[in-house]
Amino acid sequence: MQPQQTVKVDLKDLKTVLCECGCEYFEPLLMYKILPALYSNTGTEQLLATQGSKCVKCSKVWEAETLYKDFKDRKGIALLKQ
């Protein structure tokens, strides 16, 4: 078995995701959902935490799934800074 190689990436060389307003800074957010007992593997209601982000300039909230999907589809956050 060969040893794993380490790849070094300089963050300055990566593209930065920008909000629609052009801001590159986001604050982390948590949103809580209640999973009904019917869907829970324990048979009781469960509290689920989902992650999101909020633009520090315009306060637009981006859920992690939406942010990733929009990034892949180049919708909403189409602006990328080199």
Protein backbone atom coordinates (compact mmCIF):
# COMPACT_ATOMS: atom_id res chain seq x y z
CA MET A 1 0.00 0.00 0.00
CA GLN A 2 1.37 3.40 -1.01
CA PRO A 3 1.38 6.25 1.50
CA GLN A 4 -1.26 8.92 0.93
CA GLN A 5 0.00 12.02 -0.83
CA THR A 6 -0.72 15.42 0.66
CA VAL A 7 -1.95 18.08 -1.73
CA LYS A 8 -1.14 21.64 -0.75
CA VAL A 9 -3.57 24.28 -1.98
CA ASP A 10 -3.03 28.00 -1.53
CA LEU A 11 -6.41 29.55 -0.64
CA LYS A 12 -5.45 32.71 -2.54
CA ASP A 13 -5.60 30.67 -5.77
CA LEU A 14 -9.19 29.49 -5.23
CA LYS A 15 -12.34 31.25 -6.43
CA THR A 16 -14.44 32.99 -3.79
CA VAL A 17 -18.21 32.62 -3.73
CA LEU A 18 -20.03 35.94 -3.61
CA CYS A 19 -23.59 36.78 -2.64
CA GLU A 20 -25.86 38.35 -5.26
CA CYS A 21 -25.01 41.74 -3.71
CA GLY A 22 -21.29 41.14 -4.33
CA CYS A 23 -20.31 40.54 -0.70
CA GLU A 24 -17.92 37.67 0.04
CA TYR A 25 -18.58 37.32 3.76
CA PHE A 26 -21.24 35.14 5.37
CA GLU A 27 -22.24 34.40 8.97
CA PRO A 28 -23.15 30.84 9.97
CA LEU A 29 -26.76 30.17 10.97
CA LEU A 30 -28.69 27.24 12.42
CA MET A 31 -32.32 26.46 11.65
CA TYR A 32 -34.20 23.86 13.65
CA LYS A 33 -36.77 21.47 12.17
CA ILE A 34 -38.97 18.92 13.91
CA LEU A 35 -38.98 15.45 12.38
CA PRO A 36 -42.37 13.81 13.00
CA ALA A 37 -42.39 10.53 14.94
CA LEU A 38 -43.77 8.78 11.84
CA TYR A 39 -40.47 9.41 9.99
CA SER A 40 -38.17 8.95 12.96
CA ASN A 41 -36.27 5.70 13.50
CA THR A 42 -36.92 6.03 17.25
CA GLY A 43 -40.70 6.44 16.94
CA THR A 44 -40.57 9.83 18.67
CA GLU A 45 -40.29 13.37 17.37
CA GLN A 46 -36.70 14.47 16.76
CA LEU A 47 -35.14 17.93 16.65
CA LEU A 48 -32.90 18.44 13.61
CA ALA A 49 -30.47 21.31 13.14
CA THR A 50 -29.76 22.46 9.58
CA GLN A 51 -26.97 24.82 8.61
CA GLY A 52 -27.21 27.97 6.61
CA SER A 53 -25.40 31.25 6.02
CA LYS A 54 -26.39 34.91 6.04
CA CYS A 55 -24.70 37.57 3.94
CA VAL A 56 -23.20 40.17 6.26
CA LYS A 57 -24.02 42.99 3.82
CA CYS A 58 -27.58 42.36 2.58
CA SER A 59 -28.65 39.74 5.18
CA LYS A 60 -29.90 37.30 2.53
CA VAL A 61 -30.15 33.82 4.07
CA TRP A 62 -28.67 30.92 2.15
CA GLU A 63 -29.45 27.36 3.26
CA ALA A 64 -26.46 25.07 2.72
CA GLU A 65 -28.32 22.87 0.21
CA THR A 66 -29.57 25.88 -1.75
CA LEU A 67 -26.15 27.52 -1.73
CA TYR A 68 -24.52 24.37 -3.12
CA LYS A 69 -27.27 23.74 -5.69
CA ASP A 70 -27.23 27.38 -6.85
CA PHE A 71 -23.45 27.21 -7.08
CA LYS A 72 -23.60 24.06 -9.22
CA ASP A 73 -26.34 25.54 -11.43
CA ARG A 74 -24.70 29.01 -11.41
CA LYS A 75 -27.95 30.60 -10.24
CA GLY A 76 -28.16 33.40 -7.70
CA ILE A 77 -24.53 33.28 -6.67
CA ALA A 78 -23.22 33.37 -10.22
CA LEU A 79 -20.60 35.88 -9.21
CA LEU A 80 -17.24 34.30 -8.48
CA LYS A 81 -14.14 36.26 -7.60
CA GLN A 82 -10.77 34.86 -8.74
